[in-house]
Amino acid sequence: MLKKGEIKMIKKFLAEGLSKSAIARKLGISRDTVRRYANLPDDYVPHINRPPVINSVDPYLPHIAKMLEMSEQTKSEIPLTVIYEEIKKLGYDGSLRWLQQVIQRYELRSRAKSDEPIIRFETKPSQQMQVDWIEFPKDNLSAFVATMGYSRASYVEYVNNEKIETLIGCHMNAFNYFGGVPMECLYDNMRTVILGRNSYGRGKHKLNPLFEDFAKHCRFSIKVCKPYRAKTKGKVERFNHYLRYNFHNGLRVRLSMKHYTLTLENANAEVLKWLDTTTKAL
């Protein structure tokens, strides 16, 4: 699947009068590929059809959960290295550092001390995208965060406002980043999406008509979290914390040390590199 920029280049070269063969040579793709994308409407967005990104620790989470639960029940604290050596025997070939990050990111130790199960129900591949804003008032910026429910792959885009037009643009960029449109998107109390909760009866919310039209156009359904049930959207909430403290604050400190200011432009440039590095670690 071609990237958004490559599709734009095909459209641009066609408008300039280049032949499909010439465009294929310029972009290093086949003539059939040029023809296929040339015939698509400008607002076409494909549906996701690719293998999900799987965290290398995922297959061993049930075993890790069991070890942590037994550790809590028997009051026998175990260090990370014990868990690492145990799952290595089962085939885990990732690093100790990545295992530590996963356990911290998803708060597995603290969950073992609570009544809630560590392993939760997972959505199917390409079924759900969880969406939220994370605000950085000191920098007059907000970050649009979209996390795929199954793979936990995330997309981040910094913006300077949370208007409906900006929100729609961020969704389009996220769909292009992930390679298509999920079946449903999950929201909490995003004011640009939900104008009134239960306005038409229990579970029947008043939605922004512009966003509702956009969802119909892209063929995804809008899902709303239940009140006071942040865990419903837990994956993106955990990623928000990771983004704020591991990426954003770290970037502000590094830029300040070089006497630079964090801006919309350098934040977006750096977050794309960070996402790429994070994805490669999965």
C-alpha atoms as a PDB file:
ATOM      1  CA  MET A   1       0.000   0.000   0.000  1.00  0.00           C
ATOM      2  CA  LEU A   2       1.375   3.403  -0.995  1.00  0.00           C
ATOM      3  CA  LYS A   3       1.833   6.194   1.518  1.00  0.00           C
ATOM      4  CA  LYS A   4      -0.328   9.317   1.398  1.00  0.00           C
ATOM      5  CA  GLY A   5       2.546  11.396  -0.004  1.00  0.00           C
ATOM      6  CA  GLU A   6       3.185   8.924  -2.832  1.00  0.00           C
ATOM      7  CA  ILE A   7      -0.490   8.970  -3.822  1.00  0.00           C
ATOM      8  CA  LYS A   8      -0.379  12.776  -3.896  1.00  0.00           C
ATOM      9  CA  MET A   9       2.690  12.633  -6.149  1.00  0.00           C
ATOM     10  CA  ILE A  10       0.845  10.355  -8.591  1.00  0.00           C
ATOM     11  CA  LYS A  11      -2.067  12.819  -8.719  1.00  0.00           C
ATOM     12  CA  LYS A  12       0.350  15.752  -9.123  1.00  0.00           C
ATOM     13  CA  PHE A  13       2.296  14.143 -11.976  1.00  0.00           C
ATOM     14  CA  LEU A  14      -0.923  13.187 -13.752  1.00  0.00           C
ATOM     15  CA  ALA A  15      -2.148  16.780 -13.479  1.00  0.00           C
ATOM     16  CA  GLU A  16       1.146  17.910 -15.020  1.00  0.00           C
ATOM     17  CA  GLY A  17       0.524  15.637 -17.996  1.00  0.00           C
ATOM     18  CA  LEU A  18       3.078  12.868 -17.337  1.00  0.00           C
ATOM     19  CA  SER A  19       2.250   9.424 -18.651  1.00  0.00           C
ATOM     20  CA  LYS A  20       1.610   6.526 -16.268  1.00  0.00           C
ATOM     21  CA  SER A  21       4.817   4.855 -17.478  1.00  0.00           C
ATOM     22  CA  ALA A  22       6.856   7.993 -16.733  1.00  0.00           C
ATOM     23  CA  ILE A  23       5.310   8.294 -13.275  1.00  0.00           C
ATOM     24  CA  ALA A  24       6.061   4.620 -12.569  1.00  0.00           C
ATOM     25  CA  ARG A  25       9.728   5.165 -13.473  1.00  0.00           C
ATOM     26  CA  LYS A  26       9.973   8.326 -11.349  1.00  0.00           C
ATOM     27  CA  LEU A  27       8.470   6.699  -8.241  1.00  0.00           C
ATOM     28  CA  GLY A  28       9.974   3.238  -8.730  1.00  0.00           C
ATOM     29  CA  ILE A  29       6.615   1.456  -8.819  1.00  0.00           C
ATOM     30  CA  SER A  30       4.745  -0.575 -11.423  1.00  0.00           C
ATOM     31  CA  ARG A  31       2.524   0.975 -14.091  1.00  0.00           C
ATOM     32  CA  ASP A  32      -0.400  -1.090 -12.745  1.00  0.00           C
ATOM     33  CA  THR A  33       0.063   0.492  -9.325  1.00  0.00           C
ATOM     34  CA  VAL A  34      -0.005   3.970 -10.861  1.00  0.00           C
ATOM     35  CA  ARG A  35      -3.172   3.092 -12.784  1.00  0.00           C
ATOM     36  CA  ARG A  36      -4.878   1.684  -9.666  1.00  0.00           C
ATOM     37  CA  TYR A  37      -4.263   4.784  -7.533  1.00  0.00           C
ATOM     38  CA  ALA A  38      -4.899   7.188 -10.398  1.00  0.00           C
ATOM     39  CA  ASN A  39      -8.442   5.852 -10.745  1.00  0.00           C
ATOM     40  CA  LEU A  40      -9.276   6.247  -7.043  1.00  0.00           C
ATOM     41  CA  PRO A  41     -11.172   9.333  -5.812  1.00  0.00           C
ATOM     42  CA  ASP A  42      -9.130  11.897  -3.874  1.00  0.00           C
ATOM     43  CA  ASP A  43     -10.999  11.180  -0.628  1.00  0.00           C
ATOM     44  CA  TYR A  44     -10.596   7.388  -0.841  1.00  0.00           C
ATOM     45  CA  VAL A  45      -9.439   5.739   2.401  1.00  0.00           C
ATOM     46  CA  PRO A  46      -8.829   1.950   2.371  1.00  0.00           C
ATOM     47  CA  HIS A  47      -9.906  -0.351   5.183  1.00  0.00           C
ATOM     48  CA  ILE A  48      -7.243  -2.042   7.270  1.00  0.00           C
ATOM     49  CA  ASN A  49      -6.076  -5.308   5.798  1.00  0.00           C
ATOM     50  CA  ARG A  50      -2.713  -6.190   7.252  1.00  0.00           C
ATOM     51  CA  PRO A  51      -1.291  -8.435   9.971  1.00  0.00           C
ATOM     52  CA  PRO A  52      -1.585  -6.750  13.386  1.00  0.00           C
ATOM     53  CA  VAL A  53       1.534  -5.525  15.169  1.00  0.00           C
ATOM     54  CA  ILE A  54       2.102  -7.892  18.079  1.00  0.00           C
ATOM     55  CA  ASN A  55       4.088  -6.965  21.173  1.00  0.00           C
ATOM     56  CA  SER A  56       6.878  -9.521  21.584  1.00  0.00           C
ATOM     57  CA  VAL A  57       5.844  -9.976  25.238  1.00  0.00           C
ATOM     58  CA  ASP A  58       2.139 -10.565  24.419  1.00  0.00           C
ATOM     59  CA  PRO A  59       2.294 -14.386  24.056  1.00  0.00           C
ATOM     60  CA  TYR A  60       3.799 -14.629  27.555  1.00  0.00           C
ATOM     61  CA  LEU A  61       1.447 -12.214  29.366  1.00  0.00           C
ATOM     62  CA  PRO A  62      -0.769 -14.996  30.806  1.00  0.00           C
ATOM     63  CA  HIS A  63       2.319 -16.700  32.268  1.00  0.00           C
ATOM     64  CA  ILE A  64       3.686 -13.391  33.618  1.00  0.00           C
ATOM     65  CA  ALA A  65       0.264 -12.594  35.106  1.00  0.00           C
ATOM     66  CA  LYS A  66       0.142 -15.974  36.836  1.00  0.00           C
ATOM     67  CA  MET A  67       3.642 -15.515  38.273  1.00  0.00           C
ATOM     68  CA  LEU A  68       2.795 -12.044  39.620  1.00  0.00           C
ATOM     69  CA  GLU A  69      -0.528 -13.201  41.067  1.00  0.00           C
ATOM     70  CA  MET A  70       1.110 -16.170  42.824  1.00  0.00           C
ATOM     71  CA  SER A  71       3.883 -13.858  44.045  1.00  0.00           C
ATOM     72  CA  GLU A  72       1.261 -11.607  45.630  1.00  0.00           C
ATOM     73  CA  GLN A  73      -0.773 -14.480  47.070  1.00  0.00           C
ATOM     74  CA  THR A  74       2.259 -16.117  48.678  1.00  0.00           C
ATOM     75  CA  LYS A  75       3.790 -12.783  49.744  1.00  0.00           C
ATOM     76  CA  SER A  76       6.975 -13.757  47.902  1.00  0.00           C
ATOM     77  CA  GLU A  77       8.233 -10.797  45.896  1.00  0.00           C
ATOM     78  CA  ILE A  78      10.135 -11.833  42.763  1.00  0.00           C
ATOM     79  CA  PRO A  79      12.593  -9.633  40.844  1.00  0.00           C
ATOM     80  CA  LEU A  80      12.196  -8.917  37.163  1.00  0.00           C
ATOM     81  CA  THR A  81      15.132 -11.164  36.287  1.00  0.00           C
ATOM     82  CA  VAL A  82      13.239 -14.215  37.574  1.00  0.00           C
ATOM     83  CA  ILE A  83      10.308 -13.469  35.243  1.00  0.00           C
ATOM     84  CA  TYR A  84      12.746 -12.806  32.401  1.00  0.00           C
ATOM     85  CA  GLU A  85      14.577 -16.116  32.817  1.00  0.00           C
ATOM     86  CA  GLU A  86      11.259 -17.982  33.109  1.00  0.00           C
ATOM     87  CA  ILE A  87       9.735 -16.668  29.873  1.00  0.00           C
ATOM     88  CA  LYS A  88      13.057 -17.091  28.042  1.00  0.00           C
ATOM     89  CA  LYS A  89      12.604 -20.813  28.619  1.00  0.00           C
ATOM     90  CA  LEU A  90       9.216 -20.510  26.901  1.00  0.00           C
ATOM     91  CA  GLY A  91      10.711 -18.855  23.824  1.00  0.00           C
ATOM     92  CA  TYR A  92      10.798 -15.121  24.579  1.00  0.00           C
ATOM     93  CA  ASP A  93      13.701 -13.592  22.643  1.00  0.00           C
ATOM     94  CA  GLY A  94      13.235  -9.926  23.584  1.00  0.00           C
ATOM     95  CA  SER A  95      15.361  -7.888  25.971  1.00  0.00           C
ATOM     96  CA  LEU A  96      15.123  -7.541  29.739  1.00  0.00           C
ATOM     97  CA  ARG A  97      14.729  -3.780  29.277  1.00  0.00           C
ATOM     98  CA  TRP A  98      11.693  -4.198  26.985  1.00  0.00           C
ATOM     99  CA  LEU A  99      10.080  -6.657  29.410  1.00  0.00           C
ATOM    100  CA  GLN A 100      10.555  -4.090  32.187  1.00  0.00           C
ATOM    101  CA  GLN A 101       8.943  -1.350  30.059  1.00  0.00           C
ATOM    102  CA  VAL A 102       5.920  -3.543  29.262  1.00  0.00           C
ATOM    103  CA  ILE A 103       5.393  -4.478  32.916  1.00  0.00           C
ATOM    104  CA  GLN A 104       5.668  -0.812  33.962  1.00  0.00           C
ATOM    105  CA  ARG A 105       3.599   0.517  31.056  1.00  0.00           C
ATOM    106  CA  TYR A 106       0.654  -1.779  31.742  1.00  0.00           C
ATOM    107  CA  GLU A 107       1.069  -1.661  35.536  1.00  0.00           C
ATOM    108  CA  LEU A 108       1.099  -5.451  35.828  1.00  0.00           C
ATOM    109  CA  ARG A 109       2.558  -5.523  39.338  1.00  0.00           C
ATOM    110  CA  SER A 110       0.022  -3.068  40.772  1.00  0.00           C
ATOM    111  CA  ARG A 111      -2.854  -4.912  39.082  1.00  0.00           C
ATOM    112  CA  ALA A 112      -1.717  -8.159  40.696  1.00  0.00           C
ATOM    113  CA  LYS A 113      -2.357  -6.483  44.055  1.00  0.00           C
ATOM    114  CA  SER A 114      -5.921  -5.519  43.115  1.00  0.00           C
ATOM    115  CA  ASP A 115      -9.073  -7.519  42.535  1.00  0.00           C
ATOM    116  CA  GLU A 116      -9.135  -6.901  38.782  1.00  0.00           C
ATOM    117  CA  PRO A 117      -7.721  -9.501  36.384  1.00  0.00           C
ATOM    118  CA  ILE A 118      -4.371  -8.655  34.807  1.00  0.00           C
ATOM    119  CA  ILE A 119      -5.308 -10.110  31.422  1.00  0.00           C
ATOM    120  CA  ARG A 120      -8.274  -8.347  29.864  1.00  0.00           C
ATOM    121  CA  PHE A 121     -10.497  -9.039  26.910  1.00  0.00           C
ATOM    122  CA  GLU A 122      -8.794  -7.937  23.697  1.00  0.00           C
ATOM    123  CA  THR A 123     -10.526  -6.540  20.638  1.00  0.00           C
ATOM    124  CA  LYS A 124     -10.058  -8.278  17.287  1.00  0.00           C
ATOM    125  CA  PRO A 125      -7.470  -7.016  14.763  1.00  0.00           C
ATOM    126  CA  SER A 126      -8.636  -3.817  12.988  1.00  0.00           C
ATOM    127  CA  GLN A 127     -11.847  -3.719  15.073  1.00  0.00           C
ATOM    128  CA  GLN A 128     -11.300  -0.728  17.329  1.00  0.00           C
ATOM    129  CA  MET A 129      -9.243   2.460  17.499  1.00  0.00           C
ATOM    130  CA  GLN A 130      -9.255   4.294  20.832  1.00  0.00           C
ATOM    131  CA  VAL A 131      -8.966   8.086  20.573  1.00  0.00           C
ATOM    132  CA  ASP A 132      -8.126  10.856  23.024  1.00  0.00           C
ATOM    133  CA  TRP A 133      -6.575  14.286  23.430  1.00  0.00           C
ATOM    134  CA  ILE A 134      -3.657  14.853  25.768  1.00  0.00           C
ATOM    135  CA  GLU A 135      -3.067  18.511  26.621  1.00  0.00           C
ATOM    136  CA  PHE A 136       0.217  20.323  27.285  1.00  0.00           C
ATOM    137  CA  PRO A 137      -0.877  23.802  28.506  1.00  0.00           C
ATOM    138  CA  LYS A 138       2.692  24.992  29.206  1.00  0.00           C
ATOM    139  CA  ASP A 139       3.458  24.622  25.505  1.00  0.00           C
ATOM    140  CA  ASN A 140      -0.009  25.641  24.209  1.00  0.00           C
ATOM    141  CA  LEU A 141      -0.226  22.295  22.430  1.00  0.00           C
ATOM    142  CA  SER A 142      -2.463  19.240  22.403  1.00  0.00           C
ATOM    143  CA  ALA A 143      -1.644  15.786  21.118  1.00  0.00           C
ATOM    144  CA  PHE A 144      -4.149  13.658  19.237  1.00  0.00           C
ATOM    145  CA  VAL A 145      -3.572  10.047  20.317  1.00  0.00           C
ATOM    146  CA  ALA A 146      -5.020   7.028  18.514  1.00  0.00           C
ATOM    147  CA  THR A 147      -4.259   3.487  19.700  1.00  0.00           C
ATOM    148  CA  MET A 148      -5.357   0.312  17.973  1.00  0.00           C
ATOM    149  CA  GLY A 149      -7.162  -1.896  20.498  1.00  0.00           C
ATOM    150  CA  TYR A 150      -5.617  -5.196  19.442  1.00  0.00           C
ATOM    151  CA  SER A 151      -2.033  -4.399  18.507  1.00  0.00           C
ATOM    152  CA  ARG A 152      -1.578  -1.343  20.776  1.00  0.00           C
ATOM    153  CA  ALA A 153       0.109   0.392  17.824  1.00  0.00           C
ATOM    154  CA  SER A 154      -0.301   4.148  18.354  1.00  0.00           C
ATOM    155  CA  TYR A 155      -0.329   7.317  16.278  1.00  0.00           C
ATOM    156  CA  VAL A 156       0.368  10.768  17.726  1.00  0.00           C
ATOM    157  CA  GLU A 157      -0.060  14.194  16.146  1.00  0.00           C
ATOM    158  CA  TYR A 158       0.572  17.517  17.872  1.00  0.00           C
ATOM    159  CA  VAL A 159      -1.864  20.363  17.116  1.00  0.00           C
ATOM    160  CA  ASN A 160      -2.517  23.882  18.420  1.00  0.00           C
ATOM    161  CA  ASN A 161      -6.308  23.528  18.719  1.00  0.00           C
ATOM    162  CA  GLU A 162      -8.979  20.845  19.236  1.00  0.00           C
ATOM    163  CA  LYS A 163     -11.548  22.079  16.711  1.00  0.00           C
ATOM    164  CA  ILE A 164     -13.713  19.625  14.784  1.00  0.00           C
ATOM    165  CA  GLU A 165     -11.830  20.310  11.527  1.00  0.00           C
ATOM    166  CA  THR A 166      -8.537  19.555  13.256  1.00  0.00           C
ATOM    167  CA  LEU A 167      -9.961  16.390  14.809  1.00  0.00           C
ATOM    168  CA  ILE A 168     -11.177  15.104  11.435  1.00  0.00           C
ATOM    169  CA  GLY A 169      -7.809  15.875   9.851  1.00  0.00           C
ATOM    170  CA  CYS A 170      -6.024  13.966  12.631  1.00  0.00           C
ATOM    171  CA  HIS A 171      -8.300  10.953  12.064  1.00  0.00           C
ATOM    172  CA  MET A 172      -7.492  10.964   8.347  1.00  0.00           C
ATOM    173  CA  ASN A 173      -3.766  11.096   9.111  1.00  0.00           C
ATOM    174  CA  ALA A 174      -4.138   8.257  11.622  1.00  0.00           C
ATOM    175  CA  PHE A 175      -6.012   6.110   9.064  1.00  0.00           C
ATOM    176  CA  ASN A 176      -3.211   6.698   6.581  1.00  0.00           C
ATOM    177  CA  TYR A 177      -0.595   5.871   9.232  1.00  0.00           C
ATOM    178  CA  PHE A 178      -2.290   2.583  10.164  1.00  0.00           C
ATOM    179  CA  GLY A 179      -3.105   1.701   6.559  1.00  0.00           C
ATOM    180  CA  GLY A 180      -6.900   2.018   6.702  1.00  0.00           C
ATOM    181  CA  VAL A 181     -10.048   2.539   8.753  1.00  0.00           C
ATOM    182  CA  PRO A 182     -11.064   0.412  11.777  1.00  0.00           C
ATOM    183  CA  MET A 183     -14.611  -0.823  12.231  1.00  0.00           C
ATOM    184  CA  GLU A 184     -15.194   1.435  15.265  1.00  0.00           C
ATOM    185  CA  CYS A 185     -13.589   4.316  17.165  1.00  0.00           C
ATOM    186  CA  LEU A 186     -13.953   4.695  20.945  1.00  0.00           C
ATOM    187  CA  TYR A 187     -14.238   8.080  22.682  1.00  0.00           C
ATOM    188  CA  ASP A 188     -14.615   9.287  26.254  1.00  0.00           C
ATOM    189  CA  ASN A 189     -16.052  12.779  26.774  1.00  0.00           C
ATOM    190  CA  MET A 190     -14.489  14.451  23.734  1.00  0.00           C
ATOM    191  CA  ARG A 191     -16.574  17.632  23.384  1.00  0.00           C
ATOM    192  CA  THR A 192     -16.054  17.880  19.629  1.00  0.00           C
ATOM    193  CA  VAL A 193     -17.613  14.414  19.217  1.00  0.00           C
ATOM    194  CA  ILE A 194     -20.215  14.121  21.998  1.00  0.00           C
ATOM    195  CA  LEU A 195     -22.511  17.140  22.367  1.00  0.00           C
ATOM    196  CA  GLY A 196     -24.787  15.488  24.924  1.00  0.00           C
ATOM    197  CA  ARG A 197     -24.569  12.164  26.744  1.00  0.00           C
ATOM    198  CA  ASN A 198     -27.851  10.155  26.871  1.00  0.00           C
ATOM    199  CA  SER A 199     -29.679  13.087  25.195  1.00  0.00           C
ATOM    200  CA  TYR A 200     -32.108  10.748  23.437  1.00  0.00           C
ATOM    201  CA  GLY A 201     -32.337   8.083  26.134  1.00  0.00           C
ATOM    202  CA  ARG A 202     -29.948   5.720  27.874  1.00  0.00           C
ATOM    203  CA  GLY A 203     -26.966   5.041  25.627  1.00  0.00           C
ATOM    204  CA  LYS A 204     -28.339   7.350  22.883  1.00  0.00           C
ATOM    205  CA  HIS A 205     -25.969  10.282  22.713  1.00  0.00           C
ATOM    206  CA  LYS A 206     -26.166  13.549  20.800  1.00  0.00           C
ATOM    207  CA  LEU A 207     -23.204  13.548  18.433  1.00  0.00           C
ATOM    208  CA  ASN A 208     -21.629  16.375  16.488  1.00  0.00           C
ATOM    209  CA  PRO A 209     -23.380  16.145  13.081  1.00  0.00           C
ATOM    210  CA  LEU A 210     -20.175  17.058  11.216  1.00  0.00           C
ATOM    211  CA  PHE A 211     -18.283  14.251  12.898  1.00  0.00           C
ATOM    212  CA  GLU A 212     -21.192  11.864  12.468  1.00  0.00           C
ATOM    213  CA  ASP A 213     -21.173  12.552   8.719  1.00  0.00           C
ATOM    214  CA  PHE A 214     -17.419  12.010   8.638  1.00  0.00           C
ATOM    215  CA  ALA A 215     -17.796   8.624  10.397  1.00  0.00           C
ATOM    216  CA  LYS A 216     -20.496   7.564   7.939  1.00  0.00           C
ATOM    217  CA  HIS A 217     -18.323   8.632   5.011  1.00  0.00           C
ATOM    218  CA  CYS A 218     -15.374   6.578   6.297  1.00  0.00           C
ATOM    219  CA  ARG A 219     -17.677   3.721   7.375  1.00  0.00           C
ATOM    220  CA  PHE A 220     -16.707   3.401  11.045  1.00  0.00           C
ATOM    221  CA  SER A 221     -19.069   3.405  14.023  1.00  0.00           C
ATOM    222  CA  ILE A 222     -18.727   5.793  16.968  1.00  0.00           C
ATOM    223  CA  LYS A 223     -18.503   4.143  20.404  1.00  0.00           C
ATOM    224  CA  VAL A 224     -18.676   6.069  23.683  1.00  0.00           C
ATOM    225  CA  CYS A 225     -17.108   5.000  26.988  1.00  0.00           C
ATOM    226  CA  LYS A 226     -19.451   4.538  29.917  1.00  0.00           C
ATOM    227  CA  PRO A 227     -19.248   7.328  32.537  1.00  0.00           C
ATOM    228  CA  TYR A 228     -16.561   6.820  35.193  1.00  0.00           C
ATOM    229  CA  ARG A 229     -15.256   3.765  33.363  1.00  0.00           C
ATOM    230  CA  ALA A 230     -11.822   4.958  32.258  1.00  0.00           C
ATOM    231  CA  LYS A 231     -10.648   1.336  32.100  1.00  0.00           C
ATOM    232  CA  THR A 232     -12.883   0.867  29.057  1.00  0.00           C
ATOM    233  CA  LYS A 233     -10.345   2.981  27.188  1.00  0.00           C
ATOM    234  CA  GLY A 234      -7.369   1.778  29.205  1.00  0.00           C
ATOM    235  CA  LYS A 235      -4.888   1.177  26.392  1.00  0.00           C
ATOM    236  CA  VAL A 236      -4.884   4.759  25.167  1.00  0.00           C
ATOM    237  CA  GLU A 237      -4.934   6.124  28.745  1.00  0.00           C
ATOM    238  CA  ARG A 238      -1.764   4.165  29.562  1.00  0.00           C
ATOM    239  CA  PHE A 239      -0.157   5.348  26.337  1.00  0.00           C
ATOM    240  CA  ASN A 240      -1.043   8.964  27.257  1.00  0.00           C
ATOM    241  CA  HIS A 241       0.969   8.590  30.455  1.00  0.00           C
ATOM    242  CA  TYR A 242       3.844   7.044  28.503  1.00  0.00           C
ATOM    243  CA  LEU A 243       3.745   9.839  25.929  1.00  0.00           C
ATOM    244  CA  ARG A 244       3.650  12.635  28.511  1.00  0.00           C
ATOM    245  CA  TYR A 245       6.472  11.436  30.741  1.00  0.00           C
ATOM    246  CA  ASN A 246       8.666   9.310  28.474  1.00  0.00           C
ATOM    247  CA  PHE A 247       8.508  11.415  25.321  1.00  0.00           C
ATOM    248  CA  HIS A 248       7.138  14.933  25.813  1.00  0.00           C
ATOM    249  CA  ASN A 249       8.822  15.872  29.065  1.00  0.00           C
ATOM    250  CA  GLY A 250      12.065  14.288  27.905  1.00  0.00           C
ATOM    251  CA  LEU A 251      11.954  16.276  24.664  1.00  0.00           C
ATOM    252  CA  ARG A 252      11.307  19.557  26.525  1.00  0.00           C
ATOM    253  CA  VAL A 253      14.336  18.953  28.749  1.00  0.00           C
ATOM    254  CA  ARG A 254      16.632  18.038  25.834  1.00  0.00           C
ATOM    255  CA  LEU A 255      15.553  21.080  23.815  1.00  0.00           C
ATOM    256  CA  SER A 256      15.914  23.401  26.813  1.00  0.00           C
ATOM    257  CA  MET A 257      19.470  22.176  27.371  1.00  0.00           C
ATOM    258  CA  LYS A 258      20.239  23.333  23.816  1.00  0.00           C
ATOM    259  CA  HIS A 259      18.377  26.645  24.375  1.00  0.00           C
ATOM    260  CA  TYR A 260      15.568  25.654  21.996  1.00  0.00           C
ATOM    261  CA  THR A 261      11.815  25.914  22.545  1.00  0.00           C
ATOM    262  CA  LEU A 262       9.407  23.044  21.980  1.00  0.00           C
ATOM    263  CA  THR A 263       7.184  23.952  19.018  1.00  0.00           C
ATOM    264  CA  LEU A 264       4.420  22.322  16.999  1.00  0.00           C
ATOM    265  CA  GLU A 265       6.861  21.614  14.179  1.00  0.00           C
ATOM    266  CA  ASN A 266       9.708  20.045  16.158  1.00  0.00           C
ATOM    267  CA  ALA A 267       7.278  18.122  18.381  1.00  0.00           C
ATOM    268  CA  ASN A 268       5.670  16.454  15.341  1.00  0.00           C
ATOM    269  CA  ALA A 269       9.038  15.759  13.725  1.00  0.00           C
ATOM    270  CA  GLU A 270      10.392  14.132  16.882  1.00  0.00           C
ATOM    271  CA  VAL A 271       7.248  12.181  17.802  1.00  0.00           C
ATOM    272  CA  LEU A 272       7.233  10.435  14.408  1.00  0.00           C
ATOM    273  CA  LYS A 273      10.811   9.274  15.004  1.00  0.00           C
ATOM    274  CA  TRP A 274       9.860   8.151  18.513  1.00  0.00           C
ATOM    275  CA  LEU A 275       6.833   6.216  17.253  1.00  0.00           C
ATOM    276  CA  ASP A 276       8.994   4.515  14.644  1.00  0.00           C
ATOM    277  CA  THR A 277      11.539   3.507  17.297  1.00  0.00           C
ATOM    278  CA  THR A 278       8.790   2.335  19.649  1.00  0.00           C
ATOM    279  CA  THR A 279       7.159   0.248  16.883  1.00  0.00           C
ATOM    280  CA  LYS A 280      10.468  -1.406  16.020  1.00  0.00           C
ATOM    281  CA  ALA A 281      10.827  -2.460  19.662  1.00  0.00           C
ATOM    282  CA  LEU A 282       7.552  -4.417  19.505  1.00  0.00           C
END
